[in-house]
Amino acid sequence: MVKISIVYDSNFKGQTAALAEGARTVEGAEVHVLHVDDVDDNWSTLHTSDALIFGSPTYIGSVSGKLKLFAEKLAGEGEGRPLTLPELSG
């Protein structure tokens, strides 16, 4: 089984919901969708995830400030695991 956590920062969940729906089609996948404001209450879920996916609207060519702060906090909690935050916009 693979555990996937999707952390997003948006008032609209359209793309995030579509991403979660797609992830749930993977056989045996356990998918958790968390707003960035709720991560402090869900660190155990994040730490036991096999994959973390981030979703954010583009603000001035980058992710939201809340998601940047979360990424900095997560990097400090990384337990030696690599962290990559690709930025895609279109």
PDB file of N, CA and C in Angstrom:
ATOM      1  N   MET A   1       0.853  -1.179   0.000  1.00  0.00           N
ATOM      2  CA  MET A   1       0.000   0.000   0.000  1.00  0.00           C
ATOM      3  C   MET A   1       0.898   1.241   0.000  1.00  0.00           C
ATOM      4  N   VAL A   2       0.477   2.238  -0.723  1.00  0.00           N
ATOM      5  CA  VAL A   2       1.198   3.507  -0.773  1.00  0.00           C
ATOM      6  C   VAL A   2       0.315   4.585  -0.152  1.00  0.00           C
ATOM      7  N   LYS A   3       0.922   5.390   0.702  1.00  0.00           N
ATOM      8  CA  LYS A   3       0.195   6.466   1.379  1.00  0.00           C
ATOM      9  C   LYS A   3       0.609   7.792   0.750  1.00  0.00           C
ATOM     10  N   ILE A   4      -0.372   8.514   0.220  1.00  0.00           N
ATOM     11  CA  ILE A   4      -0.133   9.776  -0.479  1.00  0.00           C
ATOM     12  C   ILE A   4      -0.857  10.894   0.260  1.00  0.00           C
ATOM     13  N   SER A   5      -0.139  11.969   0.565  1.00  0.00           N
ATOM     14  CA  SER A   5      -0.755  13.141   1.176  1.00  0.00           C
ATOM     15  C   SER A   5      -0.649  14.309   0.208  1.00  0.00           C
ATOM     16  N   ILE A   6      -1.767  14.976   0.014  1.00  0.00           N
ATOM     17  CA  ILE A   6      -1.826  16.153  -0.851  1.00  0.00           C
ATOM     18  C   ILE A   6      -2.072  17.361   0.036  1.00  0.00           C
ATOM     19  N   VAL A   7      -1.138  18.298   0.039  1.00  0.00           N
ATOM     20  CA  VAL A   7      -1.253  19.521   0.833  1.00  0.00           C
ATOM     21  C   VAL A   7      -1.475  20.667  -0.151  1.00  0.00           C
ATOM     22  N   TYR A   8      -2.540  21.428   0.073  1.00  0.00           N
ATOM     23  CA  TYR A   8      -2.873  22.491  -0.874  1.00  0.00           C
ATOM     24  C   TYR A   8      -3.168  23.791  -0.134  1.00  0.00           C
ATOM     25  N   ASP A   9      -3.059  24.893  -0.855  1.00  0.00           N
ATOM     26  CA  ASP A   9      -3.417  26.215  -0.335  1.00  0.00           C
ATOM     27  C   ASP A   9      -4.208  26.936  -1.409  1.00  0.00           C
ATOM     28  N   SER A  10      -5.497  26.824  -1.325  1.00  0.00           N
ATOM     29  CA  SER A  10      -6.371  27.480  -2.287  1.00  0.00           C
ATOM     30  C   SER A  10      -7.771  27.542  -1.717  1.00  0.00           C
ATOM     31  N   ASN A  11      -8.542  28.514  -2.160  1.00  0.00           N
ATOM     32  CA  ASN A  11      -9.949  28.580  -1.775  1.00  0.00           C
ATOM     33  C   ASN A  11     -10.796  27.697  -2.672  1.00  0.00           C
ATOM     34  N   PHE A  12     -10.209  27.223  -3.756  1.00  0.00           N
ATOM     35  CA  PHE A  12     -10.914  26.386  -4.716  1.00  0.00           C
ATOM     36  C   PHE A  12     -10.237  25.020  -4.752  1.00  0.00           C
ATOM     37  N   LYS A  13     -10.996  23.965  -4.655  1.00  0.00           N
ATOM     38  CA  LYS A  13     -10.404  22.630  -4.604  1.00  0.00           C
ATOM     39  C   LYS A  13     -10.556  21.857  -5.900  1.00  0.00           C
ATOM     40  N   GLY A  14     -10.874  22.503  -6.984  1.00  0.00           N
ATOM     41  CA  GLY A  14     -11.119  21.791  -8.240  1.00  0.00           C
ATOM     42  C   GLY A  14      -9.939  20.954  -8.700  1.00  0.00           C
ATOM     43  N   GLN A  15      -8.770  21.564  -8.857  1.00  0.00           N
ATOM     44  CA  GLN A  15      -7.590  20.832  -9.308  1.00  0.00           C
ATOM     45  C   GLN A  15      -7.129  19.829  -8.258  1.00  0.00           C
ATOM     46  N   THR A  16      -7.203  20.227  -6.992  1.00  0.00           N
ATOM     47  CA  THR A  16      -6.792  19.331  -5.910  1.00  0.00           C
ATOM     48  C   THR A  16      -7.700  18.112  -5.849  1.00  0.00           C
ATOM     49  N   ALA A  17      -9.002  18.318  -5.993  1.00  0.00           N
ATOM     50  CA  ALA A  17      -9.949  17.196  -5.976  1.00  0.00           C
ATOM     51  C   ALA A  17      -9.691  16.266  -7.155  1.00  0.00           C
ATOM     52  N   ALA A  18      -9.398  16.821  -8.320  1.00  0.00           N
ATOM     53  CA  ALA A  18      -9.110  15.997  -9.495  1.00  0.00           C
ATOM     54  C   ALA A  18      -7.834  15.189  -9.290  1.00  0.00           C
ATOM     55  N   LEU A  19      -6.832  15.806  -8.696  1.00  0.00           N
ATOM     56  CA  LEU A  19      -5.576  15.116  -8.411  1.00  0.00           C
ATOM     57  C   LEU A  19      -5.802  13.968  -7.430  1.00  0.00           C
ATOM     58  N   ALA A  20      -6.568  14.237  -6.365  1.00  0.00           N
ATOM     59  CA  ALA A  20      -6.868  13.202  -5.370  1.00  0.00           C
ATOM     60  C   ALA A  20      -7.651  12.053  -6.002  1.00  0.00           C
ATOM     61  N   GLU A  21      -8.597  12.390  -6.859  1.00  0.00           N
ATOM     62  CA  GLU A  21      -9.393  11.365  -7.536  1.00  0.00           C
ATOM     63  C   GLU A  21      -8.494  10.464  -8.386  1.00  0.00           C
ATOM     64  N   GLY A  22      -7.567  11.079  -9.087  1.00  0.00           N
ATOM     65  CA  GLY A  22      -6.624  10.300  -9.885  1.00  0.00           C
ATOM     66  C   GLY A  22      -5.725   9.428  -9.024  1.00  0.00           C
ATOM     67  N   ALA A  23      -5.242   9.963  -7.920  1.00  0.00           N
ATOM     68  CA  ALA A  23      -4.379   9.193  -7.022  1.00  0.00           C
ATOM     69  C   ALA A  23      -5.119   8.002  -6.429  1.00  0.00           C
ATOM     70  N   ARG A  24      -6.394   8.166  -6.189  1.00  0.00           N
ATOM     71  CA  ARG A  24      -7.192   7.078  -5.612  1.00  0.00           C
ATOM     72  C   ARG A  24      -7.413   5.925  -6.592  1.00  0.00           C
ATOM     73  N   THR A  25      -7.129   6.148  -7.860  1.00  0.00           N
ATOM     74  CA  THR A  25      -7.272   5.057  -8.828  1.00  0.00           C
ATOM     75  C   THR A  25      -6.101   4.083  -8.769  1.00  0.00           C
ATOM     76  N   VAL A  26      -5.033   4.468  -8.079  1.00  0.00           N
ATOM     77  CA  VAL A  26      -3.887   3.574  -7.919  1.00  0.00           C
ATOM     78  C   VAL A  26      -4.278   2.496  -6.909  1.00  0.00           C
ATOM     79  N   GLU A  27      -4.147   1.257  -7.322  1.00  0.00           N
ATOM     80  CA  GLU A  27      -4.546   0.152  -6.462  1.00  0.00           C
ATOM     81  C   GLU A  27      -3.776   0.185  -5.133  1.00  0.00           C
ATOM     82  N   GLY A  28      -4.521   0.154  -4.037  1.00  0.00           N
ATOM     83  CA  GLY A  28      -3.929   0.142  -2.704  1.00  0.00           C
ATOM     84  C   GLY A  28      -3.528   1.508  -2.175  1.00  0.00           C
ATOM     85  N   ALA A  29      -3.802   2.574  -2.929  1.00  0.00           N
ATOM     86  CA  ALA A  29      -3.405   3.914  -2.490  1.00  0.00           C
ATOM     87  C   ALA A  29      -4.328   4.411  -1.389  1.00  0.00           C
ATOM     88  N   GLU A  30      -3.722   4.980  -0.371  1.00  0.00           N
ATOM     89  CA  GLU A  30      -4.444   5.667   0.706  1.00  0.00           C
ATOM     90  C   GLU A  30      -4.131   7.149   0.515  1.00  0.00           C
ATOM     91  N   VAL A  31      -5.151   7.951   0.244  1.00  0.00           N
ATOM     92  CA  VAL A  31      -4.943   9.355  -0.122  1.00  0.00           C
ATOM     93  C   VAL A  31      -5.535  10.267   0.943  1.00  0.00           C
ATOM     94  N   HIS A  32      -4.725  11.224   1.399  1.00  0.00           N
ATOM     95  CA  HIS A  32      -5.165  12.225   2.373  1.00  0.00           C
ATOM     96  C   HIS A  32      -5.032  13.602   1.743  1.00  0.00           C
ATOM     97  N   VAL A  33      -6.074  14.417   1.850  1.00  0.00           N
ATOM     98  CA  VAL A  33      -6.070  15.776   1.307  1.00  0.00           C
ATOM     99  C   VAL A  33      -6.144  16.736   2.483  1.00  0.00           C
ATOM    100  N   LEU A  34      -5.133  17.591   2.615  1.00  0.00           N
ATOM    101  CA  LEU A  34      -5.033  18.507   3.747  1.00  0.00           C
ATOM    102  C   LEU A  34      -4.820  19.939   3.267  1.00  0.00           C
ATOM    103  N   HIS A  35      -5.588  20.865   3.811  1.00  0.00           N
ATOM    104  CA  HIS A  35      -5.305  22.273   3.559  1.00  0.00           C
ATOM    105  C   HIS A  35      -4.069  22.646   4.365  1.00  0.00           C
ATOM    106  N   VAL A  36      -3.253  23.519   3.848  1.00  0.00           N
ATOM    107  CA  VAL A  36      -2.001  23.897   4.507  1.00  0.00           C
ATOM    108  C   VAL A  36      -2.251  24.433   5.925  1.00  0.00           C
ATOM    109  N   ASP A  37      -3.424  25.007   6.176  1.00  0.00           N
ATOM    110  CA  ASP A  37      -3.746  25.496   7.523  1.00  0.00           C
ATOM    111  C   ASP A  37      -3.949  24.362   8.522  1.00  0.00           C
ATOM    112  N   ASP A  38      -4.128  23.134   8.043  1.00  0.00           N
ATOM    113  CA  ASP A  38      -4.415  22.000   8.913  1.00  0.00           C
ATOM    114  C   ASP A  38      -3.231  21.060   9.120  1.00  0.00           C
ATOM    115  N   VAL A  39      -2.065  21.396   8.592  1.00  0.00           N
ATOM    116  CA  VAL A  39      -0.948  20.457   8.677  1.00  0.00           C
ATOM    117  C   VAL A  39      -0.416  20.292  10.099  1.00  0.00           C
ATOM    118  N   ASP A  40      -0.482  21.325  10.915  1.00  0.00           N
ATOM    119  CA  ASP A  40       0.048  21.193  12.269  1.00  0.00           C
ATOM    120  C   ASP A  40      -0.662  20.098  13.055  1.00  0.00           C
ATOM    121  N   ASP A  41      -1.923  19.853  12.748  1.00  0.00           N
ATOM    122  CA  ASP A  41      -2.681  18.803  13.425  1.00  0.00           C
ATOM    123  C   ASP A  41      -2.505  17.442  12.757  1.00  0.00           C
ATOM    124  N   ASN A  42      -1.732  17.381  11.692  1.00  0.00           N
ATOM    125  CA  ASN A  42      -1.620  16.142  10.915  1.00  0.00           C
ATOM    126  C   ASN A  42      -0.184  15.742  10.597  1.00  0.00           C
ATOM    127  N   TRP A  43       0.773  16.129  11.449  1.00  0.00           N
ATOM    128  CA  TRP A  43       2.171  15.796  11.182  1.00  0.00           C
ATOM    129  C   TRP A  43       2.394  14.298  11.091  1.00  0.00           C
ATOM    130  N   SER A  44       1.686  13.511  11.911  1.00  0.00           N
ATOM    131  CA  SER A  44       1.898  12.060  11.858  1.00  0.00           C
ATOM    132  C   SER A  44       1.490  11.500  10.494  1.00  0.00           C
ATOM    133  N   THR A  45       0.421  12.032   9.922  1.00  0.00           N
ATOM    134  CA  THR A  45       0.004  11.604   8.586  1.00  0.00           C
ATOM    135  C   THR A  45       1.073  11.945   7.560  1.00  0.00           C
ATOM    136  N   LEU A  46       1.617  13.154   7.647  1.00  0.00           N
ATOM    137  CA  LEU A  46       2.641  13.580   6.688  1.00  0.00           C
ATOM    138  C   LEU A  46       3.922  12.761   6.839  1.00  0.00           C
ATOM    139  N   HIS A  47       4.329  12.509   8.072  1.00  0.00           N
ATOM    140  CA  HIS A  47       5.575  11.773   8.316  1.00  0.00           C
ATOM    141  C   HIS A  47       5.506  10.317   7.871  1.00  0.00           C
ATOM    142  N   THR A  48       4.318   9.762   7.819  1.00  0.00           N
ATOM    143  CA  THR A  48       4.189   8.363   7.412  1.00  0.00           C
ATOM    144  C   THR A  48       3.784   8.226   5.942  1.00  0.00           C
ATOM    145  N   SER A  49       3.716   9.322   5.233  1.00  0.00           N
ATOM    146  CA  SER A  49       3.352   9.282   3.812  1.00  0.00           C
ATOM    147  C   SER A  49       4.537   8.855   2.959  1.00  0.00           C
ATOM    148  N   ASP A  50       4.241   8.089   1.943  1.00  0.00           N
ATOM    149  CA  ASP A  50       5.266   7.692   0.981  1.00  0.00           C
ATOM    150  C   ASP A  50       5.507   8.783  -0.050  1.00  0.00           C
ATOM    151  N   ALA A  51       4.475   9.608  -0.285  1.00  0.00           N
ATOM    152  CA  ALA A  51       4.580  10.691  -1.258  1.00  0.00           C
ATOM    153  C   ALA A  51       3.804  11.898  -0.751  1.00  0.00           C
ATOM    154  N   LEU A  52       4.380  13.075  -0.949  1.00  0.00           N
ATOM    155  CA  LEU A  52       3.711  14.336  -0.628  1.00  0.00           C
ATOM    156  C   LEU A  52       3.561  15.111  -1.929  1.00  0.00           C
ATOM    157  N   ILE A  53       2.351  15.577  -2.171  1.00  0.00           N
ATOM    158  CA  ILE A  53       2.069  16.373  -3.367  1.00  0.00           C
ATOM    159  C   ILE A  53       1.558  17.727  -2.895  1.00  0.00           C
ATOM    160  N   PHE A  54       2.073  18.794  -3.483  1.00  0.00           N
ATOM    161  CA  PHE A  54       1.704  20.146  -3.079  1.00  0.00           C
ATOM    162  C   PHE A  54       0.916  20.828  -4.184  1.00  0.00           C
ATOM    163  N   GLY A  55      -0.110  21.567  -3.795  1.00  0.00           N
ATOM    164  CA  GLY A  55      -0.906  22.316  -4.757  1.00  0.00           C
ATOM    165  C   GLY A  55      -1.102  23.739  -4.296  1.00  0.00           C
ATOM    166  N   SER A  56      -0.894  24.670  -5.208  1.00  0.00           N
ATOM    167  CA  SER A  56      -1.013  26.082  -4.856  1.00  0.00           C
ATOM    168  C   SER A  56      -1.288  26.894  -6.115  1.00  0.00           C
ATOM    169  N   PRO A  57      -2.071  27.951  -5.973  1.00  0.00           N
ATOM    170  CA  PRO A  57      -2.157  28.896  -7.082  1.00  0.00           C
ATOM    171  C   PRO A  57      -0.801  29.592  -7.254  1.00  0.00           C
ATOM    172  N   THR A  58      -0.586  30.173  -8.402  1.00  0.00           N
ATOM    173  CA  THR A  58       0.658  30.898  -8.648  1.00  0.00           C
ATOM    174  C   THR A  58       0.485  32.350  -8.231  1.00  0.00           C
ATOM    175  N   TYR A  59       1.383  32.814  -7.365  1.00  0.00           N
ATOM    176  CA  TYR A  59       1.394  34.204  -6.924  1.00  0.00           C
ATOM    177  C   TYR A  59       2.731  34.819  -7.304  1.00  0.00           C
ATOM    178  N   ILE A  60       2.693  35.773  -8.185  1.00  0.00           N
ATOM    179  CA  ILE A  60       3.899  36.465  -8.640  1.00  0.00           C
ATOM    180  C   ILE A  60       4.973  35.445  -9.048  1.00  0.00           C
ATOM    181  N   GLY A  61       4.560  34.440  -9.802  1.00  0.00           N
ATOM    182  CA  GLY A  61       5.492  33.460 -10.335  1.00  0.00           C
ATOM    183  C   GLY A  61       5.944  32.384  -9.370  1.00  0.00           C
ATOM    184  N   SER A  62       5.287  32.244  -8.228  1.00  0.00           N
ATOM    185  CA  SER A  62       5.706  31.252  -7.246  1.00  0.00           C
ATOM    186  C   SER A  62       4.482  30.703  -6.519  1.00  0.00           C
ATOM    187  N   VAL A  63       4.715  29.778  -5.596  1.00  0.00           N
ATOM    188  CA  VAL A  63       3.624  29.244  -4.787  1.00  0.00           C
ATOM    189  C   VAL A  63       3.232  30.261  -3.715  1.00  0.00           C
ATOM    190  N   SER A  64       2.128  29.995  -3.038  1.00  0.00           N
ATOM    191  CA  SER A  64       1.653  30.924  -2.001  1.00  0.00           C
ATOM    192  C   SER A  64       2.631  30.999  -0.830  1.00  0.00           C
ATOM    193  N   GLY A  65       2.565  32.094  -0.108  1.00  0.00           N
ATOM    194  CA  GLY A  65       3.421  32.284   1.063  1.00  0.00           C
ATOM    195  C   GLY A  65       3.198  31.210   2.119  1.00  0.00           C
ATOM    196  N   LYS A  66       1.956  30.810   2.325  1.00  0.00           N
ATOM    197  CA  LYS A  66       1.657  29.766   3.318  1.00  0.00           C
ATOM    198  C   LYS A  66       2.319  28.448   2.937  1.00  0.00           C
ATOM    199  N   LEU A  67       2.309  28.131   1.657  1.00  0.00           N
ATOM    200  CA  LEU A  67       2.919  26.880   1.232  1.00  0.00           C
ATOM    201  C   LEU A  67       4.446  26.957   1.345  1.00  0.00           C
ATOM    202  N   LYS A  68       5.026  28.123   1.101  1.00  0.00           N
ATOM    203  CA  LYS A  68       6.469  28.298   1.292  1.00  0.00           C
ATOM    204  C   LYS A  68       6.846  28.092   2.757  1.00  0.00           C
ATOM    205  N   LEU A  69       6.066  28.674   3.674  1.00  0.00           N
ATOM    206  CA  LEU A  69       6.343  28.495   5.102  1.00  0.00           C
ATOM    207  C   LEU A  69       6.218  27.034   5.505  1.00  0.00           C
ATOM    208  N   PHE A  70       5.205  26.354   4.975  1.00  0.00           N
ATOM    209  CA  PHE A  70       5.034  24.933   5.263  1.00  0.00           C
ATOM    210  C   PHE A  70       6.247  24.136   4.762  1.00  0.00           C
ATOM    211  N   ALA A  71       6.711  24.427   3.561  1.00  0.00           N
ATOM    212  CA  ALA A  71       7.853  23.714   2.991  1.00  0.00           C
ATOM    213  C   ALA A  71       9.100  23.911   3.848  1.00  0.00           C
ATOM    214  N   GLU A  72       9.298  25.115   4.366  1.00  0.00           N
ATOM    215  CA  GLU A  72      10.442  25.365   5.240  1.00  0.00           C
ATOM    216  C   GLU A  72      10.331  24.560   6.529  1.00  0.00           C
ATOM    217  N   LYS A  73       9.135  24.499   7.094  1.00  0.00           N
ATOM    218  CA  LYS A  73       8.915  23.719   8.300  1.00  0.00           C
ATOM    219  C   LYS A  73       9.120  22.237   8.014  1.00  0.00           C
ATOM    220  N   LEU A  74       8.622  21.775   6.891  1.00  0.00           N
ATOM    221  CA  LEU A  74       8.741  20.371   6.508  1.00  0.00           C
ATOM    222  C   LEU A  74      10.197  19.995   6.278  1.00  0.00           C
ATOM    223  N   ALA A  75      10.977  20.873   5.665  1.00  0.00           N
ATOM    224  CA  ALA A  75      12.387  20.585   5.405  1.00  0.00           C
ATOM    225  C   ALA A  75      13.125  20.336   6.714  1.00  0.00           C
ATOM    226  N   GLY A  76      12.751  21.048   7.756  1.00  0.00           N
ATOM    227  CA  GLY A  76      13.368  20.841   9.064  1.00  0.00           C
ATOM    228  C   GLY A  76      12.944  19.535   9.717  1.00  0.00           C
ATOM    229  N   GLU A  77      11.846  18.968   9.268  1.00  0.00           N
ATOM    230  CA  GLU A  77      11.308  17.726   9.813  1.00  0.00           C
ATOM    231  C   GLU A  77      11.587  16.545   8.893  1.00  0.00           C
ATOM    232  N   GLY A  78      12.408  16.728   7.869  1.00  0.00           N
ATOM    233  CA  GLY A  78      12.531  15.778   6.774  1.00  0.00           C
ATOM    234  C   GLY A  78      13.122  14.425   7.068  1.00  0.00           C
ATOM    235  N   GLU A  79      13.748  14.233   8.208  1.00  0.00           N
ATOM    236  CA  GLU A  79      14.316  12.945   8.585  1.00  0.00           C
ATOM    237  C   GLU A  79      15.223  12.382   7.494  1.00  0.00           C
ATOM    238  N   GLY A  80      15.971  13.241   6.835  1.00  0.00           N
ATOM    239  CA  GLY A  80      16.907  12.783   5.826  1.00  0.00           C
ATOM    240  C   GLY A  80      16.304  12.462   4.482  1.00  0.00           C
ATOM    241  N   ARG A  81      15.001  12.671   4.315  1.00  0.00           N
ATOM    242  CA  ARG A  81      14.366  12.392   3.030  1.00  0.00           C
ATOM    243  C   ARG A  81      14.495  13.618   2.140  1.00  0.00           C
ATOM    244  N   PRO A  82      14.676  13.399   0.832  1.00  0.00           N
ATOM    245  CA  PRO A  82      14.786  14.546  -0.080  1.00  0.00           C
ATOM    246  C   PRO A  82      13.447  15.265  -0.210  1.00  0.00           C
ATOM    247  N   LEU A  83      13.503  16.567  -0.418  1.00  0.00           N
ATOM    248  CA  LEU A  83      12.311  17.381  -0.612  1.00  0.00           C
ATOM    249  C   LEU A  83      12.505  18.208  -1.867  1.00  0.00           C
ATOM    250  N   THR A  84      11.581  18.063  -2.788  1.00  0.00           N
ATOM    251  CA  THR A  84      11.623  18.827  -4.035  1.00  0.00           C
ATOM    252  C   THR A  84      10.283  19.525  -4.207  1.00  0.00           C
ATOM    253  N   LEU A  85      10.311  20.806  -4.484  1.00  0.00           N
ATOM    254  CA  LEU A  85       9.099  21.567  -4.720  1.00  0.00           C
ATOM    255  C   LEU A  85       9.127  22.123  -6.134  1.00  0.00           C
ATOM    256  N   PRO A  86       8.633  21.356  -7.091  1.00  0.00           N
ATOM    257  CA  PRO A  86       8.590  21.898  -8.453  1.00  0.00           C
ATOM    258  C   PRO A  86       7.534  22.969  -8.566  1.00  0.00           C
ATOM    259  N   GLU A  87       7.795  23.958  -9.390  1.00  0.00           N
ATOM    260  CA  GLU A  87       6.823  25.016  -9.616  1.00  0.00           C
ATOM    261  C   GLU A  87       6.363  24.926 -11.065  1.00  0.00           C
ATOM    262  N   LEU A  88       5.079  24.692 -11.223  1.00  0.00           N
ATOM    263  CA  LEU A  88       4.478  24.621 -12.545  1.00  0.00           C
ATOM    264  C   LEU A  88       3.419  25.683 -12.654  1.00  0.00           C
ATOM    265  N   SER A  89       3.408  26.402 -13.718  1.00  0.00           N
ATOM    266  CA  SER A  89       2.361  27.391 -13.926  1.00  0.00           C
ATOM    267  C   SER A  89       1.995  27.384 -15.407  1.00  0.00           C
ATOM    268  N   GLY A  90       0.817  27.852 -15.648  1.00  0.00           N
ATOM    269  CA  GLY A  90       0.417  27.848 -17.039  1.00  0.00           C
ATOM    270  C   GLY A  90      -0.742  28.764 -17.280  1.00  0.00           C
TER     271      GLY A  90
END
